Amino acid sequence: MTLIELTEILEAGTGVPVVYAKSKVELTAPYIVLLAGNEEHKYADNKIIRITEDVDIELYTSDKNLELENKIKMTLIKNNILYEKDQDEIEKDWIKTNFAITIKE
């Protein structure tokens, strides 16, 4: 799965805009930001046989939104994507819910 495919899956499953980190697109909440992290290559016989990449799916909302969090969870589960979830309050007006995943290409 690529980041482009992940973006399409999340947009279809949630109806929420998805952007990449440092995007210059101005959005109003709710929206999702994808942060790509470490990329790891597995080799065999001097060839790359698998690429994995850590990705954070950050949901930004102005209030706690259990329905939207559940849509993300169900979208990930439906697509057999394992995740770890945590949440932060950013300032007084924003809540960030993070789903940490690993994708394989």
PDB file of N, CA and C in Angstrom:
ATOM      1  N   MET A   1       0.847  -1.170   0.000  1.00  0.00           N
ATOM      2  CA  MET A   1       0.000   0.000   0.000  1.00  0.00           C
ATOM      3  C   MET A   1       0.894   1.235   0.000  1.00  0.00           C
ATOM      4  N   THR A   2       0.565   2.197  -0.824  1.00  0.00           N
ATOM      5  CA  THR A   2       1.307   3.443  -0.885  1.00  0.00           C
ATOM      6  C   THR A   2       0.580   4.528  -0.081  1.00  0.00           C
ATOM      7  N   LEU A   3       1.246   5.661   0.129  1.00  0.00           N
ATOM      8  CA  LEU A   3       0.593   6.785   0.806  1.00  0.00           C
ATOM      9  C   LEU A   3      -0.594   7.302   0.005  1.00  0.00           C
ATOM     10  N   ILE A   4      -0.493   7.246  -1.303  1.00  0.00           N
ATOM     11  CA  ILE A   4      -1.613   7.680  -2.153  1.00  0.00           C
ATOM     12  C   ILE A   4      -2.813   6.764  -1.937  1.00  0.00           C
ATOM     13  N   GLU A   5      -2.578   5.456  -1.903  1.00  0.00           N
ATOM     14  CA  GLU A   5      -3.669   4.510  -1.657  1.00  0.00           C
ATOM     15  C   GLU A   5      -4.254   4.696  -0.263  1.00  0.00           C
ATOM     16  N   LEU A   6      -3.400   4.922   0.732  1.00  0.00           N
ATOM     17  CA  LEU A   6      -3.878   5.162   2.090  1.00  0.00           C
ATOM     18  C   LEU A   6      -4.750   6.413   2.145  1.00  0.00           C
ATOM     19  N   THR A   7      -4.327   7.460   1.460  1.00  0.00           N
ATOM     20  CA  THR A   7      -5.115   8.695   1.400  1.00  0.00           C
ATOM     21  C   THR A   7      -6.500   8.426   0.824  1.00  0.00           C
ATOM     22  N   GLU A   8      -6.556   7.689  -0.278  1.00  0.00           N
ATOM     23  CA  GLU A   8      -7.840   7.375  -0.916  1.00  0.00           C
ATOM     24  C   GLU A   8      -8.735   6.549  -0.004  1.00  0.00           C
ATOM     25  N   ILE A   9      -8.143   5.576   0.695  1.00  0.00           N
ATOM     26  CA  ILE A   9      -8.905   4.721   1.610  1.00  0.00           C
ATOM     27  C   ILE A   9      -9.493   5.549   2.744  1.00  0.00           C
ATOM     28  N   LEU A  10      -8.683   6.427   3.327  1.00  0.00           N
ATOM     29  CA  LEU A  10      -9.151   7.240   4.452  1.00  0.00           C
ATOM     30  C   LEU A  10     -10.216   8.250   4.026  1.00  0.00           C
ATOM     31  N   GLU A  11     -10.021   8.882   2.873  1.00  0.00           N
ATOM     32  CA  GLU A  11     -11.024   9.849   2.403  1.00  0.00           C
ATOM     33  C   GLU A  11     -12.345   9.157   2.108  1.00  0.00           C
ATOM     34  N   ALA A  12     -12.286   7.982   1.476  1.00  0.00           N
ATOM     35  CA  ALA A  12     -13.516   7.244   1.168  1.00  0.00           C
ATOM     36  C   ALA A  12     -14.201   6.744   2.439  1.00  0.00           C
ATOM     37  N   GLY A  13     -13.427   6.308   3.421  1.00  0.00           N
ATOM     38  CA  GLY A  13     -13.986   5.732   4.629  1.00  0.00           C
ATOM     39  C   GLY A  13     -14.496   6.743   5.639  1.00  0.00           C
ATOM     40  N   THR A  14     -13.982   7.982   5.561  1.00  0.00           N
ATOM     41  CA  THR A  14     -14.351   8.985   6.572  1.00  0.00           C
ATOM     42  C   THR A  14     -15.085  10.197   6.010  1.00  0.00           C
ATOM     43  N   GLY A  15     -14.861  10.500   4.724  1.00  0.00           N
ATOM     44  CA  GLY A  15     -15.431  11.713   4.151  1.00  0.00           C
ATOM     45  C   GLY A  15     -14.713  12.968   4.608  1.00  0.00           C
ATOM     46  N   VAL A  16     -13.543  12.813   5.206  1.00  0.00           N
ATOM     47  CA  VAL A  16     -12.758  13.931   5.740  1.00  0.00           C
ATOM     48  C   VAL A  16     -11.552  14.163   4.835  1.00  0.00           C
ATOM     49  N   PRO A  17     -11.174  15.438   4.590  1.00  0.00           N
ATOM     50  CA  PRO A  17      -9.987  15.701   3.771  1.00  0.00           C
ATOM     51  C   PRO A  17      -8.719  15.151   4.418  1.00  0.00           C
ATOM     52  N   VAL A  18      -7.831  14.615   3.580  1.00  0.00           N
ATOM     53  CA  VAL A  18      -6.553  14.077   4.039  1.00  0.00           C
ATOM     54  C   VAL A  18      -5.443  14.822   3.310  1.00  0.00           C
ATOM     55  N   VAL A  19      -4.470  15.343   4.071  1.00  0.00           N
ATOM     56  CA  VAL A  19      -3.327  16.043   3.495  1.00  0.00           C
ATOM     57  C   VAL A  19      -2.044  15.453   4.071  1.00  0.00           C
ATOM     58  N   TYR A  20      -0.935  15.747   3.411  1.00  0.00           N
ATOM     59  CA  TYR A  20       0.363  15.324   3.911  1.00  0.00           C
ATOM     60  C   TYR A  20       0.926  16.411   4.812  1.00  0.00           C
ATOM     61  N   ALA A  21       1.829  16.035   5.687  1.00  0.00           N
ATOM     62  CA  ALA A  21       2.452  16.998   6.596  1.00  0.00           C
ATOM     63  C   ALA A  21       3.065  18.144   5.803  1.00  0.00           C
ATOM     64  N   LYS A  22       3.000  19.318   6.371  1.00  0.00           N
ATOM     65  CA  LYS A  22       3.540  20.544   5.784  1.00  0.00           C
ATOM     66  C   LYS A  22       2.816  20.952   4.514  1.00  0.00           C
ATOM     67  N   SER A  23       1.624  20.466   4.323  1.00  0.00           N
ATOM     68  CA  SER A  23       0.813  20.895   3.184  1.00  0.00           C
ATOM     69  C   SER A  23       0.428  22.352   3.383  1.00  0.00           C
ATOM     70  N   LYS A  24       0.368  23.096   2.299  1.00  0.00           N
ATOM     71  CA  LYS A  24       0.020  24.516   2.387  1.00  0.00           C
ATOM     72  C   LYS A  24      -1.469  24.752   2.197  1.00  0.00           C
ATOM     73  N   VAL A  25      -2.232  23.666   2.172  1.00  0.00           N
ATOM     74  CA  VAL A  25      -3.677  23.764   2.014  1.00  0.00           C
ATOM     75  C   VAL A  25      -4.284  24.178   3.354  1.00  0.00           C
ATOM     76  N   GLU A  26      -5.126  25.211   3.334  1.00  0.00           N
ATOM     77  CA  GLU A  26      -5.808  25.616   4.559  1.00  0.00           C
ATOM     78  C   GLU A  26      -7.086  24.809   4.713  1.00  0.00           C
ATOM     79  N   LEU A  27      -7.242  24.201   5.881  1.00  0.00           N
ATOM     80  CA  LEU A  27      -8.399  23.353   6.142  1.00  0.00           C
ATOM     81  C   LEU A  27      -9.077  23.790   7.431  1.00  0.00           C
ATOM     82  N   THR A  28     -10.347  23.485   7.519  1.00  0.00           N
ATOM     83  CA  THR A  28     -11.052  23.666   8.783  1.00  0.00           C
ATOM     84  C   THR A  28     -11.341  22.273   9.344  1.00  0.00           C
ATOM     85  N   ALA A  29     -11.393  22.207  10.650  1.00  0.00           N
ATOM     86  CA  ALA A  29     -11.616  20.913  11.318  1.00  0.00           C
ATOM     87  C   ALA A  29     -12.997  20.384  10.990  1.00  0.00           C
ATOM     88  N   PRO A  30     -13.127  19.078  10.875  1.00  0.00           N
ATOM     89  CA  PRO A  30     -12.106  18.059  11.069  1.00  0.00           C
ATOM     90  C   PRO A  30     -11.306  17.812   9.784  1.00  0.00           C
ATOM     91  N   TYR A  31     -10.058  17.383   9.969  1.00  0.00           N
ATOM     92  CA  TYR A  31      -9.226  16.965   8.841  1.00  0.00           C
ATOM     93  C   TYR A  31      -8.174  15.993   9.350  1.00  0.00           C
ATOM     94  N   ILE A  32      -7.536  15.297   8.395  1.00  0.00           N
ATOM     95  CA  ILE A  32      -6.519  14.290   8.715  1.00  0.00           C
ATOM     96  C   ILE A  32      -5.203  14.700   8.068  1.00  0.00           C
ATOM     97  N   VAL A  33      -4.116  14.566   8.829  1.00  0.00           N
ATOM     98  CA  VAL A  33      -2.774  14.811   8.321  1.00  0.00           C
ATOM     99  C   VAL A  33      -2.003  13.495   8.374  1.00  0.00           C
ATOM    100  N   LEU A  34      -1.315  13.165   7.281  1.00  0.00           N
ATOM    101  CA  LEU A  34      -0.454  11.974   7.247  1.00  0.00           C
ATOM    102  C   LEU A  34       0.995  12.405   7.428  1.00  0.00           C
ATOM    103  N   LEU A  35       1.673  11.773   8.382  1.00  0.00           N
ATOM    104  CA  LEU A  35       3.095  12.016   8.619  1.00  0.00           C
ATOM    105  C   LEU A  35       3.863  10.733   8.345  1.00  0.00           C
ATOM    106  N   ALA A  36       4.663  10.733   7.292  1.00  0.00           N
ATOM    107  CA  ALA A  36       5.467   9.556   6.962  1.00  0.00           C
ATOM    108  C   ALA A  36       6.728   9.571   7.811  1.00  0.00           C
ATOM    109  N   GLY A  37       7.069   8.414   8.358  1.00  0.00           N
ATOM    110  CA  GLY A  37       8.237   8.317   9.237  1.00  0.00           C
ATOM    111  C   GLY A  37       9.315   7.446   8.632  1.00  0.00           C
ATOM    112  N   ASN A  38       9.832   6.547   9.436  1.00  0.00           N
ATOM    113  CA  ASN A  38      10.926   5.667   9.017  1.00  0.00           C
ATOM    114  C   ASN A  38      10.491   4.747   7.893  1.00  0.00           C
ATOM    115  N   GLU A  39      11.376   4.600   6.920  1.00  0.00           N
ATOM    116  CA  GLU A  39      11.158   3.649   5.839  1.00  0.00           C
ATOM    117  C   GLU A  39      12.251   2.599   5.939  1.00  0.00           C
ATOM    118  N   GLU A  40      11.864   1.329   5.868  1.00  0.00           N
ATOM    119  CA  GLU A  40      12.815   0.241   6.013  1.00  0.00           C
ATOM    120  C   GLU A  40      12.734  -0.661   4.791  1.00  0.00           C
ATOM    121  N   HIS A  41      13.906  -1.053   4.286  1.00  0.00           N
ATOM    122  CA  HIS A  41      13.981  -1.945   3.121  1.00  0.00           C
ATOM    123  C   HIS A  41      14.485  -3.305   3.566  1.00  0.00           C
ATOM    124  N   LYS A  42      13.831  -4.361   3.090  1.00  0.00           N
ATOM    125  CA  LYS A  42      14.272  -5.736   3.333  1.00  0.00           C
ATOM    126  C   LYS A  42      14.897  -6.246   2.040  1.00  0.00           C
ATOM    127  N   TYR A  43      16.076  -6.848   2.166  1.00  0.00           N
ATOM    128  CA  TYR A  43      16.819  -7.314   1.008  1.00  0.00           C
ATOM    129  C   TYR A  43      16.960  -8.821   1.020  1.00  0.00           C
ATOM    130  N   ALA A  44      17.029  -9.395  -0.173  1.00  0.00           N
ATOM    131  CA  ALA A  44      17.400 -10.798  -0.369  1.00  0.00           C
ATOM    132  C   ALA A  44      17.990 -10.905  -1.770  1.00  0.00           C
ATOM    133  N   ASP A  45      19.078 -11.605  -1.887  1.00  0.00           N
ATOM    134  CA  ASP A  45      19.752 -11.779  -3.180  1.00  0.00           C
ATOM    135  C   ASP A  45      20.021 -10.435  -3.855  1.00  0.00           C
ATOM    136  N   ASN A  46      20.459  -9.455  -3.066  1.00  0.00           N
ATOM    137  CA  ASN A  46      20.805  -8.114  -3.558  1.00  0.00           C
ATOM    138  C   ASN A  46      19.636  -7.393  -4.210  1.00  0.00           C
ATOM    139  N   LYS A  47      18.421  -7.721  -3.808  1.00  0.00           N
ATOM    140  CA  LYS A  47      17.229  -7.054  -4.324  1.00  0.00           C
ATOM    141  C   LYS A  47      16.348  -6.643  -3.160  1.00  0.00           C
ATOM    142  N   ILE A  48      15.640  -5.558  -3.331  1.00  0.00           N
ATOM    143  CA  ILE A  48      14.662  -5.151  -2.328  1.00  0.00           C
ATOM    144  C   ILE A  48      13.443  -6.048  -2.493  1.00  0.00           C
ATOM    145  N   ILE A  49      13.064  -6.719  -1.405  1.00  0.00           N
ATOM    146  CA  ILE A  49      11.903  -7.606  -1.483  1.00  0.00           C
ATOM    147  C   ILE A  49      10.686  -7.024  -0.760  1.00  0.00           C
ATOM    148  N   ARG A  50      10.926  -6.064   0.151  1.00  0.00           N
ATOM    149  CA  ARG A  50       9.802  -5.451   0.853  1.00  0.00           C
ATOM    150  C   ARG A  50      10.220  -4.081   1.392  1.00  0.00           C
ATOM    151  N   ILE A  51       9.307  -3.139   1.300  1.00  0.00           N
ATOM    152  CA  ILE A  51       9.511  -1.815   1.879  1.00  0.00           C
ATOM    153  C   ILE A  51       8.385  -1.582   2.888  1.00  0.00           C
ATOM    154  N   THR A  52       8.761  -1.186   4.100  1.00  0.00           N
ATOM    155  CA  THR A  52       7.754  -0.814   5.089  1.00  0.00           C
ATOM    156  C   THR A  52       8.007   0.636   5.501  1.00  0.00           C
ATOM    157  N   GLU A  53       6.925   1.323   5.857  1.00  0.00           N
ATOM    158  CA  GLU A  53       7.030   2.723   6.259  1.00  0.00           C
ATOM    159  C   GLU A  53       6.082   3.000   7.417  1.00  0.00           C
ATOM    160  N   ASP A  54       6.607   3.646   8.449  1.00  0.00           N
ATOM    161  CA  ASP A  54       5.785   4.052   9.581  1.00  0.00           C
ATOM    162  C   ASP A  54       5.037   5.330   9.211  1.00  0.00           C
ATOM    163  N   VAL A  55       3.744   5.354   9.506  1.00  0.00           N
ATOM    164  CA  VAL A  55       2.912   6.511   9.177  1.00  0.00           C
ATOM    165  C   VAL A  55       2.029   6.854  10.375  1.00  0.00           C
ATOM    166  N   ASP A  56       1.967   8.138  10.691  1.00  0.00           N
ATOM    167  CA  ASP A  56       1.018   8.614  11.694  1.00  0.00           C
ATOM    168  C   ASP A  56      -0.163   9.241  10.977  1.00  0.00           C
ATOM    169  N   ILE A  57      -1.347   8.796  11.341  1.00  0.00           N
ATOM    170  CA  ILE A  57      -2.596   9.367  10.832  1.00  0.00           C
ATOM    171  C   ILE A  57      -3.118  10.265  11.948  1.00  0.00           C
ATOM    172  N   GLU A  58      -3.043  11.573  11.749  1.00  0.00           N
ATOM    173  CA  GLU A  58      -3.440  12.517  12.794  1.00  0.00           C
ATOM    174  C   GLU A  58      -4.787  13.134  12.449  1.00  0.00           C
ATOM    175  N   LEU A  59      -5.762  12.894  13.297  1.00  0.00           N
ATOM    176  CA  LEU A  59      -7.092  13.470  13.140  1.00  0.00           C
ATOM    177  C   LEU A  59      -7.172  14.717  14.003  1.00  0.00           C
ATOM    178  N   TYR A  60      -7.475  15.863  13.391  1.00  0.00           N
ATOM    179  CA  TYR A  60      -7.629  17.120  14.115  1.00  0.00           C
ATOM    180  C   TYR A  60      -9.103  17.498  14.158  1.00  0.00           C
ATOM    181  N   THR A  61      -9.605  17.731  15.371  1.00  0.00           N
ATOM    182  CA  THR A  61     -10.996  18.127  15.567  1.00  0.00           C
ATOM    183  C   THR A  61     -11.050  19.249  16.598  1.00  0.00           C
ATOM    184  N   SER A  62     -12.133  20.001  16.572  1.00  0.00           N
ATOM    185  CA  SER A  62     -12.295  21.061  17.564  1.00  0.00           C
ATOM    186  C   SER A  62     -12.912  20.521  18.853  1.00  0.00           C
ATOM    187  N   ASP A  63     -13.627  19.416  18.773  1.00  0.00           N
ATOM    188  CA  ASP A  63     -14.216  18.733  19.930  1.00  0.00           C
ATOM    189  C   ASP A  63     -13.979  17.240  19.782  1.00  0.00           C
ATOM    190  N   LYS A  64     -14.076  16.528  20.871  1.00  0.00           N
ATOM    191  CA  LYS A  64     -13.968  15.064  20.811  1.00  0.00           C
ATOM    192  C   LYS A  64     -15.039  14.536  19.864  1.00  0.00           C
ATOM    193  N   ASN A  65     -14.626  13.714  18.883  1.00  0.00           N
ATOM    194  CA  ASN A  65     -15.549  13.237  17.871  1.00  0.00           C
ATOM    195  C   ASN A  65     -15.440  11.706  17.786  1.00  0.00           C
ATOM    196  N   LEU A  66     -16.171  11.025  18.647  1.00  0.00           N
ATOM    197  CA  LEU A  66     -16.109   9.564  18.705  1.00  0.00           C
ATOM    198  C   LEU A  66     -16.578   8.909  17.415  1.00  0.00           C
ATOM    199  N   GLU A  67     -17.567   9.496  16.765  1.00  0.00           N
ATOM    200  CA  GLU A  67     -18.082   8.930  15.515  1.00  0.00           C
ATOM    201  C   GLU A  67     -16.996   8.920  14.441  1.00  0.00           C
ATOM    202  N   LEU A  68     -16.272  10.014  14.317  1.00  0.00           N
ATOM    203  CA  LEU A  68     -15.217  10.098  13.312  1.00  0.00           C
ATOM    204  C   LEU A  68     -14.034   9.192  13.678  1.00  0.00           C
ATOM    205  N   GLU A  69     -13.674   9.148  14.945  1.00  0.00           N
ATOM    206  CA  GLU A  69     -12.618   8.229  15.374  1.00  0.00           C
ATOM    207  C   GLU A  69     -12.998   6.794  15.033  1.00  0.00           C
ATOM    208  N   ASN A  70     -14.254   6.446  15.259  1.00  0.00           N
ATOM    209  CA  ASN A  70     -14.726   5.094  14.950  1.00  0.00           C
ATOM    210  C   ASN A  70     -14.679   4.824  13.448  1.00  0.00           C
ATOM    211  N   LYS A  71     -14.986   5.823  12.623  1.00  0.00           N
ATOM    212  CA  LYS A  71     -14.898   5.641  11.165  1.00  0.00           C
ATOM    213  C   LYS A  71     -13.465   5.329  10.754  1.00  0.00           C
ATOM    214  N   ILE A  72     -12.503   6.018  11.365  1.00  0.00           N
ATOM    215  CA  ILE A  72     -11.096   5.740  11.050  1.00  0.00           C
ATOM    216  C   ILE A  72     -10.739   4.326  11.492  1.00  0.00           C
ATOM    217  N   LYS A  73     -11.116   3.963  12.723  1.00  0.00           N
ATOM    218  CA  LYS A  73     -10.845   2.610  13.218  1.00  0.00           C
ATOM    219  C   LYS A  73     -11.423   1.548  12.284  1.00  0.00           C
ATOM    220  N   MET A  74     -12.698   1.702  11.918  1.00  0.00           N
ATOM    221  CA  MET A  74     -13.357   0.707  11.069  1.00  0.00           C
ATOM    222  C   MET A  74     -12.729   0.659   9.674  1.00  0.00           C
ATOM    223  N   THR A  75     -12.309   1.806   9.160  1.00  0.00           N
ATOM    224  CA  THR A  75     -11.643   1.844   7.856  1.00  0.00           C
ATOM    225  C   THR A  75     -10.320   1.087   7.921  1.00  0.00           C
ATOM    226  N   LEU A  76      -9.554   1.301   8.979  1.00  0.00           N
ATOM    227  CA  LEU A  76      -8.284   0.591   9.129  1.00  0.00           C
ATOM    228  C   LEU A  76      -8.509  -0.904   9.304  1.00  0.00           C
ATOM    229  N   ILE A  77      -9.450  -1.270  10.142  1.00  0.00           N
ATOM    230  CA  ILE A  77      -9.740  -2.692  10.381  1.00  0.00           C
ATOM    231  C   ILE A  77     -10.217  -3.370   9.096  1.00  0.00           C
ATOM    232  N   LYS A  78     -11.122  -2.702   8.364  1.00  0.00           N
ATOM    233  CA  LYS A  78     -11.652  -3.257   7.111  1.00  0.00           C
ATOM    234  C   LYS A  78     -10.536  -3.528   6.105  1.00  0.00           C
ATOM    235  N   ASN A  79      -9.489  -2.717   6.151  1.00  0.00           N
ATOM    236  CA  ASN A  79      -8.368  -2.861   5.220  1.00  0.00           C
ATOM    237  C   ASN A  79      -7.181  -3.609   5.837  1.00  0.00           C
ATOM    238  N   ASN A  80      -7.458  -4.320   6.956  1.00  0.00           N
ATOM    239  CA  ASN A  80      -6.430  -5.134   7.624  1.00  0.00           C
ATOM    240  C   ASN A  80      -5.176  -4.350   7.980  1.00  0.00           C
ATOM    241  N   ILE A  81      -5.364  -3.137   8.488  1.00  0.00           N
ATOM    242  CA  ILE A  81      -4.255  -2.291   8.894  1.00  0.00           C
ATOM    243  C   ILE A  81      -4.251  -2.220  10.424  1.00  0.00           C
ATOM    244  N   LEU A  82      -3.195  -2.749  11.022  1.00  0.00           N
ATOM    245  CA  LEU A  82      -3.059  -2.689  12.475  1.00  0.00           C
ATOM    246  C   LEU A  82      -2.684  -1.270  12.882  1.00  0.00           C
ATOM    247  N   TYR A  83      -3.153  -0.838  14.057  1.00  0.00           N
ATOM    248  CA  TYR A  83      -2.865   0.530  14.498  1.00  0.00           C
ATOM    249  C   TYR A  83      -2.730   0.597  16.009  1.00  0.00           C
ATOM    250  N   GLU A  84      -2.055   1.650  16.461  1.00  0.00           N
ATOM    251  CA  GLU A  84      -2.021   2.028  17.860  1.00  0.00           C
ATOM    252  C   GLU A  84      -2.578   3.441  17.935  1.00  0.00           C
ATOM    253  N   LYS A  85      -3.386   3.726  18.953  1.00  0.00           N
ATOM    254  CA  LYS A  85      -4.083   5.006  19.034  1.00  0.00           C
ATOM    255  C   LYS A  85      -3.705   5.744  20.307  1.00  0.00           C
ATOM    256  N   ASP A  86      -3.508   7.062  20.190  1.00  0.00           N
ATOM    257  CA  ASP A  86      -3.371   7.915  21.360  1.00  0.00           C
ATOM    258  C   ASP A  86      -3.976   9.277  21.042  1.00  0.00           C
ATOM    259  N   GLN A  87      -4.049  10.128  22.058  1.00  0.00           N
ATOM    260  CA  GLN A  87      -4.738  11.405  21.873  1.00  0.00           C
ATOM    261  C   GLN A  87      -4.051  12.494  22.680  1.00  0.00           C
ATOM    262  N   ASP A  88      -4.012  13.711  22.125  1.00  0.00           N
ATOM    263  CA  ASP A  88      -3.459  14.888  22.792  1.00  0.00           C
ATOM    264  C   ASP A  88      -4.427  16.038  22.646  1.00  0.00           C
ATOM    265  N   GLU A  89      -4.434  16.893  23.644  1.00  0.00           N
ATOM    266  CA  GLU A  89      -5.171  18.147  23.500  1.00  0.00           C
ATOM    267  C   GLU A  89      -4.144  19.202  23.121  1.00  0.00           C
ATOM    268  N   ILE A  90      -4.396  19.877  22.004  1.00  0.00           N
ATOM    269  CA  ILE A  90      -3.500  20.916  21.528  1.00  0.00           C
ATOM    270  C   ILE A  90      -4.165  22.252  21.804  1.00  0.00           C
ATOM    271  N   GLU A  91      -3.524  23.051  22.603  1.00  0.00           N
ATOM    272  CA  GLU A  91      -4.129  24.312  23.042  1.00  0.00           C
ATOM    273  C   GLU A  91      -5.489  24.016  23.657  1.00  0.00           C
ATOM    274  N   LYS A  92      -6.379  24.974  23.665  1.00  0.00           N
ATOM    275  CA  LYS A  92      -7.690  24.756  24.275  1.00  0.00           C
ATOM    276  C   LYS A  92      -8.732  24.334  23.257  1.00  0.00           C
ATOM    277  N   ASP A  93      -8.484  24.630  21.984  1.00  0.00           N
ATOM    278  CA  ASP A  93      -9.526  24.465  20.979  1.00  0.00           C
ATOM    279  C   ASP A  93      -9.328  23.276  20.045  1.00  0.00           C
ATOM    280  N   TRP A  94      -8.265  22.499  20.222  1.00  0.00           N
ATOM    281  CA  TRP A  94      -7.971  21.420  19.280  1.00  0.00           C
ATOM    282  C   TRP A  94      -7.695  20.111  19.994  1.00  0.00           C
ATOM    283  N   ILE A  95      -8.159  19.049  19.395  1.00  0.00           N
ATOM    284  CA  ILE A  95      -7.842  17.700  19.869  1.00  0.00           C
ATOM    285  C   ILE A  95      -7.203  16.956  18.700  1.00  0.00           C
ATOM    286  N   LYS A  96      -6.050  16.341  18.971  1.00  0.00           N
ATOM    287  CA  LYS A  96      -5.373  15.522  17.960  1.00  0.00           C
ATOM    288  C   LYS A  96      -5.454  14.073  18.399  1.00  0.00           C
ATOM    289  N   THR A  97      -6.049  13.235  17.568  1.00  0.00           N
ATOM    290  CA  THR A  97      -6.088  11.798  17.804  1.00  0.00           C
ATOM    291  C   THR A  97      -5.172  11.147  16.789  1.00  0.00           C
ATOM    292  N   ASN A  98      -4.197  10.381  17.276  1.00  0.00           N
ATOM    293  CA  ASN A  98      -3.180   9.808  16.414  1.00  0.00           C
ATOM    294  C   ASN A  98      -3.361   8.296  16.293  1.00  0.00           C
ATOM    295  N   PHE A  99      -3.320   7.814  15.057  1.00  0.00           N
ATOM    296  CA  PHE A  99      -3.324   6.379  14.765  1.00  0.00           C
ATOM    297  C   PHE A  99      -1.977   6.061  14.117  1.00  0.00           C
ATOM    298  N   ALA A 100      -1.121   5.308  14.812  1.00  0.00           N
ATOM    299  CA  ALA A 100       0.190   4.947  14.289  1.00  0.00           C
ATOM    300  C   ALA A 100       0.077   3.602  13.574  1.00  0.00           C
ATOM    301  N   ILE A 101       0.536   3.571  12.318  1.00  0.00           N
ATOM    302  CA  ILE A 101       0.445   2.347  11.510  1.00  0.00           C
ATOM    303  C   ILE A 101       1.770   2.102  10.792  1.00  0.00           C
ATOM    304  N   THR A 102       1.898   0.935  10.209  1.00  0.00           N
ATOM    305  CA  THR A 102       3.014   0.613   9.317  1.00  0.00           C
ATOM    306  C   THR A 102       2.416   0.090   8.024  1.00  0.00           C
ATOM    307  N   ILE A 103       2.829   0.691   6.901  1.00  0.00           N
ATOM    308  CA  ILE A 103       2.341   0.217   5.617  1.00  0.00           C
ATOM    309  C   ILE A 103       3.448  -0.559   4.896  1.00  0.00           C
ATOM    310  N   LYS A 104       3.033  -1.506   4.069  1.00  0.00           N
ATOM    311  CA  LYS A 104       3.973  -2.319   3.302  1.00  0.00           C
ATOM    312  C   LYS A 104       3.715  -2.097   1.833  1.00  0.00           C
ATOM    313  N   GLU A 105       4.790  -1.858   1.103  1.00  0.00           N
ATOM    314  CA  GLU A 105       4.635  -1.694  -0.353  1.00  0.00           C
ATOM    315  C   GLU A 105       4.981  -2.977  -1.051  1.00  0.00           C
TER     316      GLU A 105
END
